[in-house]
Structures are given as C-alpha cells and as structure tokens.
Amino acid sequence: MYLIAGLGNPTRQYEHTRHNIGFDAVTYLADHYHISMNTKKFQGICGSGYIEGQKVLLLMPQTYMNLSGQSVGEAAAFYKLDPETEVIIIYDDIALEPGNIRVRKKGSAGGHNGIKSIISHLGTQEFQRIRIGVGEKPKEYDLADYVLGHFSPEDRKLVEEAFVHAADAVRLMVQGETDEAMNLYNRKQKQVLE
C-alpha cells in the first residue's frame, strides 16, 4: 500500500495558492483515478482506492503546512508503512519553474517547513517525493507572501500541465519504477530566456 500525501493549508483563503500545489495535485489524482476524498482521518482529508492495481491512500493534511508531519506520520504509523518505499509526498518548490516537476527518493527539507515536519515525524528523510515548480520568488517579495499568493493565468496553465506529469510519475512510482520516473521528469531543464 502507498500513502500519497499532497501538502497545503486548509481553509478557502489558501485554495489554489502556490503553497497548496500539493492539495491540487492530489485532487487531480483523485479525479483521474475516481477516488473519493470524503473521509476525515489522520488529521486530514483522505480517500482510498487503486492506482495501477496498487492500493493507495490519498491524503491532504489539515494541520497547516508547518505541521504536515503530524498527519503523514499518523497515517504511516497506522498502516505500518515503510517510509522509504511506501510514502510519496507532493509539494511546491520555488527552485523550479512553473510546470516543471522533480522526482526524488530522498533528500533534506531544503528549507520547506512541511517537509521538515514530515522528516521529524517519520524519523527519516528517505521517502519519495514529487516537487512541483511554482517559480522563483521575486526579490521584492516576502517568501511567505509569495508562496501564499496565486499564480498568474499563464503560470496556472503550466502548473495544471504539471499535475498530468505528476500523476504519470505517481503511476510509475507505485509500480516500483521510481528510477524511470526520475529519468523521464528530472531532465527537463529550466528554459533560458534570451
């Protein structure tokens, strides 16, 4: 079984912000694989179903971003999951251009408080993750204001394309093909504007 958690903040004011890209990606997965997100459990909203024949629990922690590990840790412990092979986290990354994704098997928090919390609660940084680019913060912006802000219509379109790629990466990952997902999606480089 796989736990696939998308990170974000609850309440309407944060809907579709850069920081809630994980929620949006999980919503896309749920729609694509006809999984009902109608259960309140593990301090989150979740739904169980199947992706490519593999049982999955889709989870959107409702703890607010900085405490995401409480929800993820609770679900992983309940199902006795191995974080290294059975947990996939989807979240925003300001180091990637909108529309780009990166697949990793492990890594540090890289300054992301949601990931920091998950590492703390799982007791390891060895868990698979999909980072979805939200674009670099402009110099004049405060980081919190930027990640809690909304996309331009152009960037939103790119991000929605990224959900398709993230869903495909998940499809490969739950079949044990994480290396293939990395080969497929990690090579797209940031476009250099002339």
Protein backbone atom coordinates (compact mmCIF):
# COMPACT_ATOMS: atom_id res chain seq x y z
CA MET A 1 0.00 0.00 0.00
CA TYR A 2 1.12 3.54 -0.73
CA LEU A 3 0.45 6.75 1.17
CA ILE A 4 0.40 9.68 -1.26
CA ALA A 5 0.18 12.99 0.57
CA GLY A 6 -0.15 16.40 -1.07
CA LEU A 7 0.85 19.33 1.12
CA GLY A 8 -1.04 22.58 1.60
CA ASN A 9 -3.03 24.69 4.04
CA PRO A 10 -6.71 24.18 4.88
CA THR A 11 -9.44 26.83 4.52
CA ARG A 12 -10.73 28.61 1.46
CA GLN A 13 -8.31 31.55 1.68
CA TYR A 14 -5.40 29.28 0.68
CA GLU A 15 -7.14 27.47 -2.19
CA HIS A 16 -5.03 27.28 -5.37
CA THR A 17 -2.13 29.26 -3.89
CA ARG A 18 1.46 28.27 -4.72
CA HIS A 19 1.87 26.59 -1.33
CA ASN A 20 -1.26 24.47 -1.94
CA ILE A 21 0.01 22.86 -5.11
CA GLY A 22 0.22 19.51 -3.28
CA PHE A 23 -3.51 19.65 -2.48
CA ASP A 24 -4.29 20.49 -6.11
CA ALA A 25 -2.12 17.62 -7.38
CA VAL A 26 -3.81 15.11 -5.05
CA THR A 27 -7.23 16.42 -6.14
CA TYR A 28 -6.17 15.82 -9.75
CA LEU A 29 -5.06 12.25 -8.86
CA ALA A 30 -8.33 11.59 -7.03
CA ASP A 31 -10.37 12.77 -10.02
CA HIS A 32 -8.22 10.86 -12.51
CA TYR A 33 -8.43 7.57 -10.61
CA HIS A 34 -12.02 8.06 -9.33
CA ILE A 35 -11.03 8.11 -5.66
CA SER A 36 -13.50 9.86 -3.32
CA MET A 37 -11.78 12.27 -0.92
CA ASN A 38 -14.58 12.11 1.63
CA THR A 39 -13.01 10.66 4.77
CA LYS A 40 -11.74 12.75 7.70
CA LYS A 41 -8.95 10.80 9.37
CA PHE A 42 -5.32 11.21 10.41
CA GLN A 43 -5.86 14.97 10.92
CA GLY A 44 -6.56 15.22 7.21
CA ILE A 45 -8.95 14.60 4.36
CA CYS A 46 -8.31 11.30 2.64
CA GLY A 47 -9.61 8.70 0.26
CA SER A 48 -8.53 5.18 -0.57
CA GLY A 49 -8.55 3.44 -3.89
CA TYR A 50 -6.28 1.89 -6.50
CA ILE A 51 -3.69 3.24 -8.92
CA GLU A 52 -2.40 0.67 -11.44
CA GLY A 53 -3.67 -2.14 -9.21
CA GLN A 54 -1.85 -0.82 -6.14
CA LYS A 55 -3.88 0.16 -3.07
CA VAL A 56 -3.32 3.82 -2.18
CA LEU A 57 -4.40 6.30 0.45
CA LEU A 58 -4.53 9.86 -0.85
CA LEU A 59 -4.10 12.38 1.96
CA MET A 60 -4.39 16.15 2.33
CA PRO A 61 -3.20 17.06 5.85
CA GLN A 62 -5.44 19.68 7.51
CA THR A 63 -2.85 20.61 10.15
CA TYR A 64 -1.49 23.64 8.24
CA MET A 65 1.72 23.24 6.27
CA ASN A 66 4.25 23.52 9.11
CA LEU A 67 2.67 20.60 11.00
CA SER A 68 2.14 18.30 7.99
CA GLY A 69 4.25 15.59 9.64
CA GLN A 70 1.62 15.03 12.35
CA SER A 71 -0.90 13.89 9.75
CA VAL A 72 1.54 11.99 7.50
CA GLY A 73 3.22 10.32 10.49
CA GLU A 74 -0.12 9.23 11.94
CA ALA A 75 -1.27 7.65 8.65
CA ALA A 76 2.10 5.96 8.02
CA ALA A 77 2.15 4.52 11.56
CA PHE A 78 -1.46 3.32 11.36
CA TYR A 79 -0.77 1.31 8.20
CA LYS A 80 2.76 0.34 9.33
CA LEU A 81 4.22 1.73 6.11
CA ASP A 82 7.89 1.79 5.23
CA PRO A 83 8.58 5.50 4.56
CA GLU A 84 11.36 4.68 2.10
CA THR A 85 9.23 2.59 -0.25
CA GLU A 86 5.56 3.28 0.57
CA VAL A 87 5.28 7.04 1.16
CA ILE A 88 5.14 9.66 -1.62
CA ILE A 89 4.90 13.38 -0.79
CA ILE A 90 3.85 16.01 -3.36
CA TYR A 91 4.68 19.65 -2.65
CA ASP A 92 5.66 23.06 -4.02
CA ASP A 93 9.21 24.10 -4.92
CA ILE A 94 10.29 27.70 -5.57
CA ALA A 95 13.57 26.48 -7.13
CA LEU A 96 11.69 25.05 -10.13
CA GLU A 97 9.94 26.93 -12.89
CA PRO A 98 6.13 26.59 -13.00
CA GLY A 99 5.22 23.42 -14.89
CA ASN A 100 8.43 21.54 -14.05
CA ILE A 101 8.48 18.60 -11.67
CA ARG A 102 11.29 16.70 -9.96
CA VAL A 103 11.11 13.18 -8.56
CA ARG A 104 13.41 12.19 -5.68
CA LYS A 105 13.86 9.11 -3.49
CA LYS A 106 15.16 11.08 -0.50
CA GLY A 107 16.63 14.43 0.48
CA SER A 108 16.76 17.21 3.00
CA ALA A 109 13.89 19.60 3.68
CA GLY A 110 15.60 22.28 1.62
CA GLY A 111 14.01 24.98 3.77
CA HIS A 112 10.47 23.64 3.22
CA ASN A 113 8.72 23.59 6.61
CA GLY A 114 6.16 20.95 5.60
CA ILE A 115 8.94 18.55 4.61
CA LYS A 116 10.90 19.44 7.76
CA SER A 117 7.87 18.40 9.83
CA ILE A 118 7.47 15.13 7.88
CA ILE A 119 11.15 14.24 8.32
CA SER A 120 10.77 14.89 12.05
CA HIS A 121 7.65 12.69 12.40
CA LEU A 122 8.79 9.85 10.13
CA GLY A 123 12.26 9.89 11.67
CA THR A 124 13.92 9.75 8.25
CA GLN A 125 14.46 11.86 5.15
CA GLU A 126 14.38 8.73 3.00
CA PHE A 127 10.93 8.97 1.45
CA GLN A 128 9.92 9.54 -2.14
CA ARG A 129 8.73 12.94 -3.22
CA ILE A 130 7.49 14.87 -6.22
CA ARG A 131 8.32 18.58 -6.22
CA ILE A 132 6.17 20.81 -8.42
CA GLY A 133 7.68 24.10 -9.53
CA VAL A 134 5.93 27.32 -8.54
CA GLY A 135 8.65 29.69 -9.74
CA GLU A 136 11.29 31.74 -8.02
CA LYS A 137 10.30 34.47 -5.57
CA PRO A 138 10.84 37.97 -7.00
CA LYS A 139 13.46 39.90 -4.98
CA GLU A 140 10.99 42.44 -3.62
CA TYR A 141 8.60 39.78 -2.26
CA ASP A 142 8.47 38.29 1.22
CA LEU A 143 8.73 34.48 0.89
CA ALA A 144 5.55 33.79 2.92
CA ASP A 145 3.57 36.33 0.87
CA TYR A 146 4.87 34.80 -2.36
CA VAL A 147 4.06 31.15 -1.60
CA LEU A 148 0.65 32.12 -0.20
CA GLY A 149 -0.09 34.10 -3.36
CA HIS A 150 -1.88 32.97 -6.51
CA PHE A 151 -0.47 32.10 -9.93
CA SER A 152 -0.79 34.31 -12.98
CA PRO A 153 -3.17 32.76 -15.56
CA GLU A 154 -0.13 31.78 -17.70
CA ASP A 155 1.65 30.06 -14.80
CA ARG A 156 -1.57 28.36 -13.67
CA LYS A 157 -1.85 26.76 -17.11
CA LEU A 158 1.73 25.43 -16.84
CA VAL A 159 1.05 24.13 -13.33
CA GLU A 160 -2.06 22.29 -14.48
CA GLU A 161 0.11 20.55 -17.10
CA ALA A 162 2.48 19.63 -14.25
CA PHE A 163 -0.39 17.77 -12.50
CA VAL A 164 -0.60 15.46 -15.53
CA HIS A 165 3.16 14.78 -15.30
CA ALA A 166 2.99 14.31 -11.52
CA ALA A 167 0.13 11.80 -11.94
CA ASP A 168 2.21 9.91 -14.50
CA ALA A 169 5.20 9.93 -12.12
CA VAL A 170 2.93 8.52 -9.37
CA ARG A 171 1.74 5.82 -11.79
CA LEU A 172 5.35 4.74 -12.31
CA MET A 173 6.34 5.08 -8.65
CA VAL A 174 3.57 2.82 -7.34
CA GLN A 175 4.78 0.18 -9.79
CA GLY A 176 8.29 0.38 -8.35
CA GLU A 177 9.58 2.40 -11.31
CA THR A 178 10.81 5.49 -9.44
CA ASP A 179 14.09 5.47 -11.40
CA GLU A 180 12.14 5.58 -14.64
CA ALA A 181 10.04 8.49 -13.33
CA MET A 182 13.26 10.31 -12.38
CA ASN A 183 14.78 9.69 -15.83
CA LEU A 184 11.63 10.92 -17.51
CA TYR A 185 10.96 14.07 -15.49
CA ASN A 186 14.22 15.22 -13.91
CA ARG A 187 15.97 16.06 -17.14
CA LYS A 188 13.70 18.92 -18.23
CA GLN A 189 15.84 21.96 -17.57
CA LYS A 190 14.75 25.49 -16.83
CA GLN A 191 14.32 27.32 -20.12
CA VAL A 192 16.83 30.09 -20.61
CA LEU A 193 15.20 33.27 -21.85
CA GLU A 194 17.29 35.15 -24.39
